[in-house]
Structures are given as structure tokens and as C-alpha cells.
C-alpha atoms as a PDB file:
ATOM      1  CA  VAL A   1      -2.849 -18.737 -15.357  1.00  0.00           C
ATOM      2  CA  ARG A   2      -3.345 -18.080 -11.641  1.00  0.00           C
ATOM      3  CA  VAL A   3      -6.783 -16.936 -10.491  1.00  0.00           C
ATOM      4  CA  GLY A   4      -7.488 -15.728  -6.960  1.00  0.00           C
ATOM      5  CA  THR A   5     -11.096 -15.974  -5.809  1.00  0.00           C
ATOM      6  CA  VAL A   6     -13.174 -15.202  -2.734  1.00  0.00           C
ATOM      7  CA  ASN A   7     -15.274 -18.270  -3.660  1.00  0.00           C
ATOM      8  CA  ALA A   8     -18.384 -16.467  -4.886  1.00  0.00           C
ATOM      9  CA  ALA A   9     -20.378 -17.953  -7.804  1.00  0.00           C
ATOM     10  CA  THR A  10     -17.841 -20.779  -7.987  1.00  0.00           C
ATOM     11  CA  VAL A  11     -20.129 -23.409  -9.513  1.00  0.00           C
ATOM     12  CA  PRO A  12     -22.312 -21.270 -11.820  1.00  0.00           C
ATOM     13  CA  LEU A  13     -19.507 -19.012 -13.112  1.00  0.00           C
ATOM     14  CA  LEU A  14     -15.953 -19.994 -12.199  1.00  0.00           C
ATOM     15  CA  THR A  15     -16.149 -23.670 -13.146  1.00  0.00           C
ATOM     16  CA  PRO A  16     -17.885 -23.154 -16.525  1.00  0.00           C
ATOM     17  CA  ALA A  17     -15.451 -20.370 -17.446  1.00  0.00           C
ATOM     18  CA  ILE A  18     -12.428 -22.562 -16.766  1.00  0.00           C
ATOM     19  CA  ARG A  19     -14.014 -25.471 -18.653  1.00  0.00           C
ATOM     20  CA  GLN A  20     -14.564 -23.230 -21.690  1.00  0.00           C
ATOM     21  CA  PHE A  21     -11.008 -21.884 -21.435  1.00  0.00           C
ATOM     22  CA  ARG A  22      -9.564 -25.390 -21.427  1.00  0.00           C
ATOM     23  CA  GLU A  23     -11.337 -26.177 -24.686  1.00  0.00           C
ATOM     24  CA  SER A  24      -9.303 -23.526 -26.492  1.00  0.00           C
ATOM     25  CA  HIS A  25      -6.150 -23.738 -24.330  1.00  0.00           C
ATOM     26  CA  PRO A  26      -5.758 -27.467 -23.568  1.00  0.00           C
ATOM     27  CA  SER A  27      -2.075 -27.184 -22.687  1.00  0.00           C
ATOM     28  CA  THR A  28      -2.402 -24.181 -20.339  1.00  0.00           C
ATOM     29  CA  GLN A  29      -2.595 -24.942 -16.637  1.00  0.00           C
ATOM     30  CA  VAL A  30      -5.103 -22.959 -14.567  1.00  0.00           C
ATOM     31  CA  GLU A  31      -4.481 -22.620 -10.840  1.00  0.00           C
ATOM     32  CA  VAL A  32      -7.408 -21.429  -8.698  1.00  0.00           C
ATOM     33  CA  ILE A  33      -6.524 -20.109  -5.239  1.00  0.00           C
ATOM     34  CA  GLY A  34      -9.082 -19.217  -2.604  1.00  0.00           C
ATOM     35  CA  ALA A  35      -8.202 -16.096  -0.631  1.00  0.00           C
ATOM     36  CA  GLN A  36      -9.666 -13.018   1.003  1.00  0.00           C
ATOM     37  CA  GLN A  37      -9.968  -9.762  -0.904  1.00  0.00           C
ATOM     38  CA  ALA A  38      -6.882  -8.124   0.635  1.00  0.00           C
ATOM     39  CA  GLY A  39      -4.739 -11.150  -0.190  1.00  0.00           C
ATOM     40  CA  ILE A  40      -5.982 -11.204  -3.778  1.00  0.00           C
ATOM     41  CA  HIS A  41      -5.197  -7.520  -4.247  1.00  0.00           C
ATOM     42  CA  ARG A  42      -1.712  -7.999  -2.819  1.00  0.00           C
ATOM     43  CA  ALA A  43      -1.017 -11.017  -5.054  1.00  0.00           C
ATOM     44  CA  LEU A  44      -2.242  -9.174  -8.163  1.00  0.00           C
ATOM     45  CA  LEU A  45       0.057  -6.233  -7.475  1.00  0.00           C
ATOM     46  CA  GLU A  46       2.989  -8.540  -6.727  1.00  0.00           C
ATOM     47  CA  GLY A  47       2.404 -10.453  -9.955  1.00  0.00           C
ATOM     48  CA  SER A  48       1.664 -13.838  -8.365  1.00  0.00           C
ATOM     49  CA  PHE A  49      -1.996 -13.746  -9.524  1.00  0.00           C
ATOM     50  CA  ASP A  50      -3.061 -12.922 -13.069  1.00  0.00           C
ATOM     51  CA  LEU A  51      -6.770 -12.430 -12.296  1.00  0.00           C
ATOM     52  CA  GLY A  52      -8.819 -11.870  -9.157  1.00  0.00           C
ATOM     53  CA  LEU A  53     -12.516 -12.453  -8.461  1.00  0.00           C
ATOM     54  CA  VAL A  54     -13.738 -10.332  -5.546  1.00  0.00           C
ATOM     55  CA  ASN A  55     -16.973  -8.892  -4.168  1.00  0.00           C
ATOM     56  CA  TYR A  56     -17.800  -5.278  -3.393  1.00  0.00           C
ATOM     57  CA  LEU A  57     -20.718  -3.606  -1.698  1.00  0.00           C
ATOM     58  CA  GLU A  58     -22.462  -0.681  -3.297  1.00  0.00           C
ATOM     59  CA  GLY A  59     -20.334   2.451  -2.834  1.00  0.00           C
ATOM     60  CA  ASP A  60     -17.050   0.660  -2.038  1.00  0.00           C
ATOM     61  CA  ASP A  61     -13.912   2.185  -3.539  1.00  0.00           C
ATOM     62  CA  LYS A  62     -11.889   0.089  -6.017  1.00  0.00           C
ATOM     63  CA  PRO A  63      -8.062   0.132  -6.063  1.00  0.00           C
ATOM     64  CA  PRO A  64      -7.025   2.584  -8.814  1.00  0.00           C
ATOM     65  CA  GLU A  65      -3.997   0.490  -9.766  1.00  0.00           C
ATOM     66  CA  LEU A  66      -6.254  -2.437 -10.714  1.00  0.00           C
ATOM     67  CA  GLU A  67      -8.511  -2.651 -13.736  1.00  0.00           C
ATOM     68  CA  THR A  68     -11.964  -3.653 -12.473  1.00  0.00           C
ATOM     69  CA  THR A  69     -14.629  -5.181 -14.717  1.00  0.00           C
ATOM     70  CA  PRO A  70     -18.097  -5.905 -13.255  1.00  0.00           C
ATOM     71  CA  LEU A  71     -19.309  -9.465 -13.772  1.00  0.00           C
ATOM     72  CA  LEU A  72     -22.476  -9.887 -11.711  1.00  0.00           C
ATOM     73  CA  ARG A  73     -24.715  -7.547  -9.745  1.00  0.00           C
ATOM     74  CA  GLY A  74     -27.034  -9.002  -7.141  1.00  0.00           C
ATOM     75  CA  ARG A  75     -28.616  -8.643  -3.733  1.00  0.00           C
ATOM     76  CA  GLY A  76     -28.041 -10.382  -0.450  1.00  0.00           C
ATOM     77  CA  VAL A  77     -30.382 -13.334   0.132  1.00  0.00           C
ATOM     78  CA  VAL A  78     -30.934 -15.724   3.016  1.00  0.00           C
ATOM     79  CA  CYS A  79     -29.827 -19.258   2.187  1.00  0.00           C
ATOM     80  CA  MET A  80     -31.595 -22.014   4.139  1.00  0.00           C
ATOM     81  CA  ARG A  81     -32.849 -25.569   3.969  1.00  0.00           C
ATOM     82  CA  PRO A  82     -36.296 -26.033   2.422  1.00  0.00           C
ATOM     83  CA  ASP A  83     -37.572 -27.464   5.736  1.00  0.00           C
ATOM     84  CA  SER A  84     -36.677 -24.286   7.628  1.00  0.00           C
ATOM     85  CA  PRO A  85     -39.765 -22.489   9.002  1.00  0.00           C
ATOM     86  CA  LEU A  86     -38.505 -19.328   7.293  1.00  0.00           C
ATOM     87  CA  ALA A  87     -38.808 -21.025   3.909  1.00  0.00           C
ATOM     88  CA  GLN A  88     -42.583 -20.580   4.238  1.00  0.00           C
ATOM     89  CA  ARG A  89     -42.143 -16.813   4.000  1.00  0.00           C
ATOM     90  CA  ALA A  90     -41.892 -14.732   0.860  1.00  0.00           C
ATOM     91  CA  ALA A  91     -39.100 -12.577   2.324  1.00  0.00           C
ATOM     92  CA  ILE A  92     -36.956 -12.532   5.466  1.00  0.00           C
ATOM     93  CA  THR A  93     -36.641  -9.566   7.812  1.00  0.00           C
ATOM     94  CA  VAL A  94     -33.644  -8.508   9.862  1.00  0.00           C
ATOM     95  CA  SER A  95     -35.676  -9.303  12.980  1.00  0.00           C
ATOM     96  CA  ASP A  96     -36.139 -12.873  11.714  1.00  0.00           C
ATOM     97  CA  LEU A  97     -32.382 -13.307  11.355  1.00  0.00           C
ATOM     98  CA  ARG A  98     -31.672 -12.201  14.913  1.00  0.00           C
ATOM     99  CA  ASP A  99     -33.611 -15.215  16.188  1.00  0.00           C
ATOM    100  CA  GLU A 100     -31.717 -17.742  14.059  1.00  0.00           C
ATOM    101  CA  THR A 101     -28.364 -19.516  14.130  1.00  0.00           C
ATOM    102  CA  LEU A 102     -26.293 -17.749  11.516  1.00  0.00           C
ATOM    103  CA  ILE A 103     -23.363 -19.041   9.515  1.00  0.00           C
ATOM    104  CA  ALA A 104     -21.315 -15.945   8.745  1.00  0.00           C
ATOM    105  CA  MET A 105     -18.251 -15.366   6.620  1.00  0.00           C
ATOM    106  CA  ARG A 106     -15.030 -14.686   8.497  1.00  0.00           C
ATOM    107  CA  SER A 107     -13.693 -11.181   8.957  1.00  0.00           C
ATOM    108  CA  GLY A 108     -12.036 -10.047   5.724  1.00  0.00           C
ATOM    109  CA  TYR A 109     -14.886 -11.150   3.460  1.00  0.00           C
ATOM    110  CA  VAL A 110     -17.341  -8.597   2.092  1.00  0.00           C
ATOM    111  CA  MET A 111     -20.320 -10.661   3.296  1.00  0.00           C
ATOM    112  CA  HIS A 112     -18.967 -10.530   6.849  1.00  0.00           C
ATOM    113  CA  ARG A 113     -19.155  -6.753   6.660  1.00  0.00           C
ATOM    114  CA  TYR A 114     -22.559  -6.953   4.968  1.00  0.00           C
ATOM    115  CA  VAL A 115     -24.090  -9.062   7.775  1.00  0.00           C
ATOM    116  CA  HIS A 116     -22.646  -6.902  10.546  1.00  0.00           C
ATOM    117  CA  ARG A 117     -24.005  -3.805   8.828  1.00  0.00           C
ATOM    118  CA  LEU A 118     -27.368  -5.515   8.293  1.00  0.00           C
ATOM    119  CA  LEU A 119     -27.706  -6.565  11.939  1.00  0.00           C
ATOM    120  CA  HIS A 120     -26.098  -3.409  13.315  1.00  0.00           C
ATOM    121  CA  ASP A 121     -23.403  -5.633  14.904  1.00  0.00           C
ATOM    122  CA  GLN A 122     -26.021  -7.543  16.911  1.00  0.00           C
ATOM    123  CA  VAL A 123     -24.856 -10.904  15.543  1.00  0.00           C
ATOM    124  CA  PRO A 124     -26.394 -13.944  17.289  1.00  0.00           C
ATOM    125  CA  ALA A 125     -24.146 -15.364  19.990  1.00  0.00           C
ATOM    126  CA  PHE A 126     -24.200 -18.941  18.685  1.00  0.00           C
ATOM    127  CA  SER A 127     -23.308 -18.224  15.062  1.00  0.00           C
ATOM    128  CA  TYR A 128     -20.640 -20.036  13.054  1.00  0.00           C
ATOM    129  CA  SER A 129     -18.026 -18.461  10.822  1.00  0.00           C
ATOM    130  CA  THR A 130     -16.374 -19.958   7.778  1.00  0.00           C
ATOM    131  CA  ASP A 131     -14.350 -19.183   4.656  1.00  0.00           C
ATOM    132  CA  GLY A 132     -16.320 -18.545   1.504  1.00  0.00           C
ATOM    133  CA  ALA A 133     -19.790 -19.217   0.152  1.00  0.00           C
ATOM    134  CA  GLU A 134     -19.146 -22.842  -0.803  1.00  0.00           C
ATOM    135  CA  MET A 135     -18.491 -23.987   2.770  1.00  0.00           C
ATOM    136  CA  GLY A 136     -21.351 -21.804   4.000  1.00  0.00           C
ATOM    137  CA  LYS A 137     -23.815 -23.552   1.668  1.00  0.00           C
ATOM    138  CA  LEU A 138     -22.590 -26.993   2.734  1.00  0.00           C
ATOM    139  CA  MET A 139     -23.073 -26.072   6.385  1.00  0.00           C
ATOM    140  CA  VAL A 140     -26.609 -24.882   5.600  1.00  0.00           C
ATOM    141  CA  ALA A 141     -27.291 -28.182   3.811  1.00  0.00           C
ATOM    142  CA  GLU A 142     -26.181 -30.045   6.942  1.00  0.00           C
ATOM    143  CA  GLY A 143     -28.698 -28.134   9.044  1.00  0.00           C
ATOM    144  CA  LEU A 144     -26.242 -26.015  11.022  1.00  0.00           C
ATOM    145  CA  GLY A 145     -28.075 -22.737  10.395  1.00  0.00           C
ATOM    146  CA  LEU A 146     -28.767 -20.031   7.831  1.00  0.00           C
ATOM    147  CA  THR A 147     -26.343 -17.871   5.905  1.00  0.00           C
ATOM    148  CA  VAL A 148     -26.560 -14.614   3.978  1.00  0.00           C
ATOM    149  CA  LEU A 149     -24.939 -14.655   0.544  1.00  0.00           C
ATOM    150  CA  PRO A 150     -25.192 -12.793  -2.756  1.00  0.00           C
ATOM    151  CA  ASP A 151     -27.991 -14.251  -4.881  1.00  0.00           C
ATOM    152  CA  PHE A 152     -25.478 -15.165  -7.594  1.00  0.00           C
ATOM    153  CA  SER A 153     -23.704 -17.455  -5.119  1.00  0.00           C
ATOM    154  CA  VAL A 154     -26.903 -19.472  -4.568  1.00  0.00           C
ATOM    155  CA  ILE A 155     -29.072 -19.377  -7.707  1.00  0.00           C
ATOM    156  CA  GLY A 156     -28.030 -22.142 -10.083  1.00  0.00           C
ATOM    157  CA  ASP A 157     -25.837 -23.923  -7.528  1.00  0.00           C
ATOM    158  CA  PRO A 158     -26.298 -27.728  -7.685  1.00  0.00           C
ATOM    159  CA  LEU A 159     -27.429 -27.764  -4.040  1.00  0.00           C
ATOM    160  CA  GLU A 160     -30.129 -25.234  -4.900  1.00  0.00           C
ATOM    161  CA  GLN A 161     -31.144 -26.951  -8.133  1.00  0.00           C
ATOM    162  CA  SER A 162     -31.485 -30.311  -6.383  1.00  0.00           C
ATOM    163  CA  GLY A 163     -33.627 -28.828  -3.611  1.00  0.00           C
ATOM    164  CA  VAL A 164     -31.122 -29.338  -0.789  1.00  0.00           C
ATOM    165  CA  ILE A 165     -30.972 -25.592  -0.099  1.00  0.00           C
ATOM    166  CA  THR A 166     -33.214 -22.687  -1.066  1.00  0.00           C
ATOM    167  CA  TRP A 167     -33.223 -18.923  -0.640  1.00  0.00           C
ATOM    168  CA  ARG A 168     -35.464 -16.000   0.155  1.00  0.00           C
ATOM    169  CA  PRO A 169     -34.863 -12.267  -0.419  1.00  0.00           C
ATOM    170  CA  LEU A 170     -34.290  -9.841   2.413  1.00  0.00           C
ATOM    171  CA  ALA A 171     -37.374  -7.742   3.069  1.00  0.00           C
ATOM    172  CA  ASP A 172     -35.649  -4.645   4.387  1.00  0.00           C
ATOM    173  CA  ASP A 173     -32.330  -4.346   2.569  1.00  0.00           C
ATOM    174  CA  ASP A 174     -31.539  -3.744  -1.104  1.00  0.00           C
ATOM    175  CA  THR A 175     -27.781  -3.153  -0.927  1.00  0.00           C
ATOM    176  CA  GLU A 176     -26.169  -4.203  -4.184  1.00  0.00           C
ATOM    177  CA  VAL A 177     -23.407  -6.817  -4.024  1.00  0.00           C
ATOM    178  CA  GLN A 178     -21.107  -6.867  -7.016  1.00  0.00           C
ATOM    179  CA  LEU A 179     -18.773  -9.586  -8.258  1.00  0.00           C
ATOM    180  CA  VAL A 180     -15.916  -8.185 -10.335  1.00  0.00           C
ATOM    181  CA  ILE A 181     -12.830  -9.473 -12.063  1.00  0.00           C
ATOM    182  CA  GLN A 182      -9.594  -7.533 -11.549  1.00  0.00           C
ATOM    183  CA  ARG A 183      -6.119  -7.415 -13.068  1.00  0.00           C
ATOM    184  CA  VAL A 184      -3.244  -4.954 -12.923  1.00  0.00           C
ATOM    185  CA  ARG A 185      -3.434  -1.961 -15.239  1.00  0.00           C
ATOM    186  CA  SER A 186       0.283  -1.750 -16.008  1.00  0.00           C
ATOM    187  CA  GLY A 187       2.180  -4.022 -18.377  1.00  0.00           C
ATOM    188  CA  THR A 188       0.952  -6.468 -20.995  1.00  0.00           C
ATOM    189  CA  PRO A 189      -0.849  -9.502 -19.562  1.00  0.00           C
ATOM    190  CA  PRO A 190      -0.166 -12.957 -21.015  1.00  0.00           C
ATOM    191  CA  SER A 191      -2.534 -13.736 -23.885  1.00  0.00           C
ATOM    192  CA  ALA A 192      -3.924 -16.760 -22.047  1.00  0.00           C
ATOM    193  CA  ALA A 193      -4.845 -14.606 -19.035  1.00  0.00           C
ATOM    194  CA  SER A 194      -6.547 -12.084 -21.328  1.00  0.00           C
ATOM    195  CA  ASP A 195      -8.509 -14.865 -23.005  1.00  0.00           C
ATOM    196  CA  LEU A 196      -9.680 -16.231 -19.651  1.00  0.00           C
ATOM    197  CA  HIS A 197     -10.645 -12.716 -18.548  1.00  0.00           C
ATOM    198  CA  ASP A 198     -12.842 -12.349 -21.638  1.00  0.00           C
ATOM    199  CA  ILE A 199     -14.441 -15.746 -21.060  1.00  0.00           C
ATOM    200  CA  PHE A 200     -15.380 -14.729 -17.505  1.00  0.00           C
ATOM    201  CA  VAL A 201     -17.099 -11.616 -18.847  1.00  0.00           C
ATOM    202  CA  GLU A 202     -18.942 -13.640 -21.486  1.00  0.00           C
ATOM    203  CA  ARG A 203     -20.060 -16.375 -19.078  1.00  0.00           C
ATOM    204  CA  ALA A 204     -21.188 -13.861 -16.466  1.00  0.00           C
ATOM    205  CA  GLY A 205     -23.478 -12.186 -18.981  1.00  0.00           C
ATOM    206  CA  ALA A 206     -25.026 -15.515 -19.948  1.00  0.00           C
ATOM    207  CA  TYR A 207     -25.501 -16.575 -16.321  1.00  0.00           C
ATOM    208  CA  ALA A 208     -27.104 -13.294 -15.299  1.00  0.00           C
ATOM    209  CA  ALA A 209     -29.533 -13.393 -18.217  1.00  0.00           C
ATOM    210  CA  ALA A 210     -30.580 -16.957 -17.429  1.00  0.00           C
ATOM    211  CA  ASN A 211     -30.700 -16.938 -13.623  1.00  0.00           C
ATOM    212  CA  LEU A 212     -30.739 -13.647 -11.789  1.00  0.00           C
ATOM    213  CA  GLN A 213     -34.363 -12.842 -12.591  1.00  0.00           C
ATOM    214  CA  ALA A 214     -35.497 -16.123 -11.043  1.00  0.00           C
ATOM    215  CA  ALA A 215     -37.649 -16.320  -7.918  1.00  0.00           C
ATOM    216  CA  PRO A 216     -37.778 -19.189  -5.416  1.00  0.00           C
END
């Protein structure tokens, strides 16, 4: 089973889902491929991916040829080290972000578009860019700056649970960020891919109930 992912909620959702799948399908290989949303859509339609995990912003159109199932709904949050001066605040404003070194996602990721919309394209000159939330969180942990991610990419992450990184909500933006799982509508998917799809839906519900009401 080949799964394309934009690397959102990798540790709290993707890894547990695959672990659960392996318990019932020990002889089935799972291949996880990191890619941008456009590449995942293309691979799904070409048949080289069975499932795709991608993010959308509130109001985005979904490809009609793909079946889209919501997994997690969240909000953008600012991810930082606990020793950051901003960690003393209950919420972070857009003005606060303009004075900080930002680690942004590369063009082609939904959170790249989110940050540019949030800052009205006034992105700090000395920001970094990277692929996916996992690398962004590691760069935050190393003290390179702050990043803006969906809350479900931060809450429950081992770096957050161990106190290496923390998060604060955005004070002046409530745009919903959605993580969905997609597959092609036509044809009959392999039973193993269908089983993994259902496990993702199940695990997402459990994660959301346990974590997404938490506060820092």
C-alpha cells in the first residue's frame, strides 16, 4: 500500500495508523512517500499512490475525481521553543510574527499559502523555508526561529510532550486547516488499502477527542 503525505500529523496519526494496520496485515508492505499536494493528487490519479494525506484551508475546492474524507480539523498555531519570549503570551498576533525569524513551508504546501495570507505577503526577510511540518519542528527545536503549523501537527508530538517545543494560538486568525485522506473514486481499491483508509479515520477520531481540546 503506497501512501503519499504532506507530512502533517505524522507522529500522532500516521505512525499509529500504520502500526495498527501492520497488526492485522503483517505481510503487507506499506510505503510512505512525502510529497506536495499537487504531486500526491497526480500520483493518486495515475494509480501510483493508493491513499493521500493532504491539507486544505477553509473554502478550498477538492478535486471531484477524488474521494475526500476529513480526518482532522484544526487552527494554525505558532510553534516555538519554551524559552522564546513569545511563550510568555497567551496568544500571538500577526504583528508579533513580523518581528520574528520565521521558518515557513516551501511553495506548494498549504501552510506556505496560509502564512503569506496571514502576513499579507510581508514575510520577514531572514526567514527559512523547508519541506513539511516535521523538519519545521526540528528547526524550531534547534532555535532557528518560529513556525506556523496546524495544531494537529504539534499537539501530541514527542517534541511537544517532552517540552522541547510548545505552541500558542494566533490571536487574530481563526482560519480552519483540515487534514483529509483521499483516494480515487473510480474502480475497486485493494482490500488492504481500504482497511488502512478505515484505520486512518478511526485513529483520527481518537486523536482529536484526546488532544485537540488541549491548551498549552
